Amino acid sequence: MRIYKILPRAEWVAAQGAGRFEGSAVDLQDGYIHFSTSDQSQETARRHFAGQADLVVLEIEGDDLGPTLRWEPSRGGELFPHLYGPLAVTDVRAVRAAPLGADGVPQIQAPE
């Protein structure tokens, strides 16, 4: 299953230079990297990224991450993918811009 990570473009550029993404501030605070499924990603954008410009969405094949990816209850008890370890940039299948919509919410266009 494909999973998605929303983050500032500058963090992705830094990760590319390092060869891995260690996580955004909230990821580092929580001890894992937060991801969303395609169905969850637009609500994640609305709740956590409204008003933030210059964001990108990383597309990752969850099965490529092995046992460090765990599905755990979060928002309303729904299972969300959490990565317990860094994300290798080589595991990222695609990177897309997430432009702000008229409502100030990044528009996440994750393929189904």
C-alpha atoms as a PDB file:
ATOM      1  CA  MET A   1       0.000   0.000   0.000  1.00  0.00           C
ATOM      2  CA  ARG A   2       1.214   3.472  -0.854  1.00  0.00           C
ATOM      3  CA  ILE A   3       1.625   5.905   2.037  1.00  0.00           C
ATOM      4  CA  TYR A   4       2.315   9.628   2.006  1.00  0.00           C
ATOM      5  CA  LYS A   5       4.330  12.165   3.985  1.00  0.00           C
ATOM      6  CA  ILE A   6       3.623  15.892   3.851  1.00  0.00           C
ATOM      7  CA  LEU A   7       6.562  18.136   4.702  1.00  0.00           C
ATOM      8  CA  PRO A   8       8.172  21.471   3.877  1.00  0.00           C
ATOM      9  CA  ARG A   9      10.218  21.411   0.681  1.00  0.00           C
ATOM     10  CA  ALA A  10      13.307  22.617   2.615  1.00  0.00           C
ATOM     11  CA  GLU A  11      13.169  19.507   4.834  1.00  0.00           C
ATOM     12  CA  TRP A  12      13.011  17.281   1.760  1.00  0.00           C
ATOM     13  CA  VAL A  13      15.977  19.074   0.161  1.00  0.00           C
ATOM     14  CA  ALA A  14      17.979  18.560   3.388  1.00  0.00           C
ATOM     15  CA  ALA A  15      16.988  14.888   3.469  1.00  0.00           C
ATOM     16  CA  GLN A  16      18.160  14.426  -0.106  1.00  0.00           C
ATOM     17  CA  GLY A  17      21.549  15.827   0.869  1.00  0.00           C
ATOM     18  CA  ALA A  18      21.753  13.483   3.879  1.00  0.00           C
ATOM     19  CA  GLY A  19      20.378  10.464   2.030  1.00  0.00           C
ATOM     20  CA  ARG A  20      17.649  10.024   4.629  1.00  0.00           C
ATOM     21  CA  PHE A  21      14.778  11.849   6.302  1.00  0.00           C
ATOM     22  CA  GLU A  22      14.931  11.702  10.097  1.00  0.00           C
ATOM     23  CA  GLY A  23      11.554  13.406  10.557  1.00  0.00           C
ATOM     24  CA  SER A  24       9.950  16.789  11.044  1.00  0.00           C
ATOM     25  CA  ALA A  25       9.813  18.392  14.499  1.00  0.00           C
ATOM     26  CA  VAL A  26       6.588  16.582  15.462  1.00  0.00           C
ATOM     27  CA  ASP A  27       8.023  13.260  14.247  1.00  0.00           C
ATOM     28  CA  LEU A  28      11.145  13.713  16.340  1.00  0.00           C
ATOM     29  CA  GLN A  29       9.008  14.668  19.340  1.00  0.00           C
ATOM     30  CA  ASP A  30       6.761  11.596  18.958  1.00  0.00           C
ATOM     31  CA  GLY A  31       9.580   9.148  18.179  1.00  0.00           C
ATOM     32  CA  TYR A  32       8.362   8.076  14.737  1.00  0.00           C
ATOM     33  CA  ILE A  33       7.665   9.514  11.298  1.00  0.00           C
ATOM     34  CA  HIS A  34       3.973  10.176  10.675  1.00  0.00           C
ATOM     35  CA  PHE A  35       2.488   9.025   7.369  1.00  0.00           C
ATOM     36  CA  SER A  36      -1.034   8.938   5.955  1.00  0.00           C
ATOM     37  CA  THR A  37      -2.831   6.742   3.471  1.00  0.00           C
ATOM     38  CA  SER A  38      -4.323   8.274   0.355  1.00  0.00           C
ATOM     39  CA  ASP A  39      -7.717   8.496   2.074  1.00  0.00           C
ATOM     40  CA  GLN A  40      -6.217  10.146   5.177  1.00  0.00           C
ATOM     41  CA  SER A  41      -3.847  12.616   3.535  1.00  0.00           C
ATOM     42  CA  GLN A  42      -6.221  15.497   2.743  1.00  0.00           C
ATOM     43  CA  GLU A  43      -7.541  15.595   6.330  1.00  0.00           C
ATOM     44  CA  THR A  44      -3.959  15.465   7.602  1.00  0.00           C
ATOM     45  CA  ALA A  45      -3.171  18.459   5.394  1.00  0.00           C
ATOM     46  CA  ARG A  46      -6.199  20.350   6.705  1.00  0.00           C
ATOM     47  CA  ARG A  47      -5.459  19.649  10.372  1.00  0.00           C
ATOM     48  CA  HIS A  48      -1.701  20.040  10.457  1.00  0.00           C
ATOM     49  CA  PHE A  49      -0.545  22.063   7.437  1.00  0.00           C
ATOM     50  CA  ALA A  50      -3.213  24.724   6.749  1.00  0.00           C
ATOM     51  CA  GLY A  51      -1.651  28.016   5.721  1.00  0.00           C
ATOM     52  CA  GLN A  52       1.786  26.512   5.109  1.00  0.00           C
ATOM     53  CA  ALA A  53       3.211  27.099   1.652  1.00  0.00           C
ATOM     54  CA  ASP A  54       5.976  25.304  -0.254  1.00  0.00           C
ATOM     55  CA  LEU A  55       5.059  21.814   0.900  1.00  0.00           C
ATOM     56  CA  VAL A  56       5.730  18.551  -0.869  1.00  0.00           C
ATOM     57  CA  VAL A  57       4.122  15.131  -0.613  1.00  0.00           C
ATOM     58  CA  LEU A  58       6.352  12.069  -0.624  1.00  0.00           C
ATOM     59  CA  GLU A  59       4.920   8.832  -1.988  1.00  0.00           C
ATOM     60  CA  ILE A  60       6.311   5.613  -0.493  1.00  0.00           C
ATOM     61  CA  GLU A  61       5.450   1.946  -0.932  1.00  0.00           C
ATOM     62  CA  GLY A  62       4.729   0.892   2.656  1.00  0.00           C
ATOM     63  CA  ASP A  63       5.845  -2.696   2.061  1.00  0.00           C
ATOM     64  CA  ASP A  64       9.344  -1.438   1.207  1.00  0.00           C
ATOM     65  CA  LEU A  65       9.818  -0.207   4.781  1.00  0.00           C
ATOM     66  CA  GLY A  66       9.651  -3.603   6.465  1.00  0.00           C
ATOM     67  CA  PRO A  67       9.010  -4.081  10.184  1.00  0.00           C
ATOM     68  CA  THR A  68       9.930  -0.509  11.129  1.00  0.00           C
ATOM     69  CA  LEU A  69       6.544   0.561   9.679  1.00  0.00           C
ATOM     70  CA  ARG A  70       3.713  -0.007  12.147  1.00  0.00           C
ATOM     71  CA  TRP A  71       0.006   0.662  11.781  1.00  0.00           C
ATOM     72  CA  GLU A  72      -1.238   2.284  14.971  1.00  0.00           C
ATOM     73  CA  PRO A  73      -4.483   3.915  16.111  1.00  0.00           C
ATOM     74  CA  SER A  74      -4.567   7.682  15.905  1.00  0.00           C
ATOM     75  CA  ARG A  75      -7.249  10.176  14.855  1.00  0.00           C
ATOM     76  CA  GLY A  76     -10.582   8.667  15.934  1.00  0.00           C
ATOM     77  CA  GLY A  77      -9.026   5.223  16.403  1.00  0.00           C
ATOM     78  CA  GLU A  78      -8.193   4.959  12.698  1.00  0.00           C
ATOM     79  CA  LEU A  79      -4.955   3.115  11.899  1.00  0.00           C
ATOM     80  CA  PHE A  80      -2.131   5.305  10.606  1.00  0.00           C
ATOM     81  CA  PRO A  81       1.297   4.241   9.319  1.00  0.00           C
ATOM     82  CA  HIS A  82       4.199   5.224  11.598  1.00  0.00           C
ATOM     83  CA  LEU A  83       7.851   4.637  10.715  1.00  0.00           C
ATOM     84  CA  TYR A  84      10.167   3.891  13.619  1.00  0.00           C
ATOM     85  CA  GLY A  85      13.455   4.883  12.033  1.00  0.00           C
ATOM     86  CA  PRO A  86      14.723   7.135   9.263  1.00  0.00           C
ATOM     87  CA  LEU A  87      13.264   7.110   5.769  1.00  0.00           C
ATOM     88  CA  ALA A  88      15.885   6.439   3.090  1.00  0.00           C
ATOM     89  CA  VAL A  89      15.457   8.838   0.182  1.00  0.00           C
ATOM     90  CA  THR A  90      15.781   5.827  -2.121  1.00  0.00           C
ATOM     91  CA  ASP A  91      12.467   4.522  -0.709  1.00  0.00           C
ATOM     92  CA  VAL A  92      10.591   7.572  -2.013  1.00  0.00           C
ATOM     93  CA  ARG A  93       8.761   6.668  -5.224  1.00  0.00           C
ATOM     94  CA  ALA A  94       7.524  10.160  -6.130  1.00  0.00           C
ATOM     95  CA  VAL A  95       7.558  13.739  -4.855  1.00  0.00           C
ATOM     96  CA  ARG A  96       4.756  16.169  -5.661  1.00  0.00           C
ATOM     97  CA  ALA A  97       4.107  19.806  -4.851  1.00  0.00           C
ATOM     98  CA  ALA A  98       1.193  20.501  -2.493  1.00  0.00           C
ATOM     99  CA  PRO A  99      -0.118  23.941  -3.521  1.00  0.00           C
ATOM    100  CA  LEU A 100      -2.413  25.851  -1.193  1.00  0.00           C
ATOM    101  CA  GLY A 101      -6.055  25.837  -2.148  1.00  0.00           C
ATOM    102  CA  ALA A 102      -8.320  28.890  -1.895  1.00  0.00           C
ATOM    103  CA  ASP A 103      -9.143  27.827   1.682  1.00  0.00           C
ATOM    104  CA  GLY A 104      -5.444  27.832   2.664  1.00  0.00           C
ATOM    105  CA  VAL A 105      -5.277  24.046   2.894  1.00  0.00           C
ATOM    106  CA  PRO A 106      -2.580  22.250   0.892  1.00  0.00           C
ATOM    107  CA  GLN A 107      -4.096  20.269  -1.945  1.00  0.00           C
ATOM    108  CA  ILE A 108      -2.926  16.677  -1.712  1.00  0.00           C
ATOM    109  CA  GLN A 109      -3.389  14.745  -4.900  1.00  0.00           C
ATOM    110  CA  ALA A 110      -2.344  11.245  -3.927  1.00  0.00           C
ATOM    111  CA  PRO A 111      -3.107   8.699  -6.614  1.00  0.00           C
ATOM    112  CA  GLU A 112      -5.567   5.999  -5.620  1.00  0.00           C
END
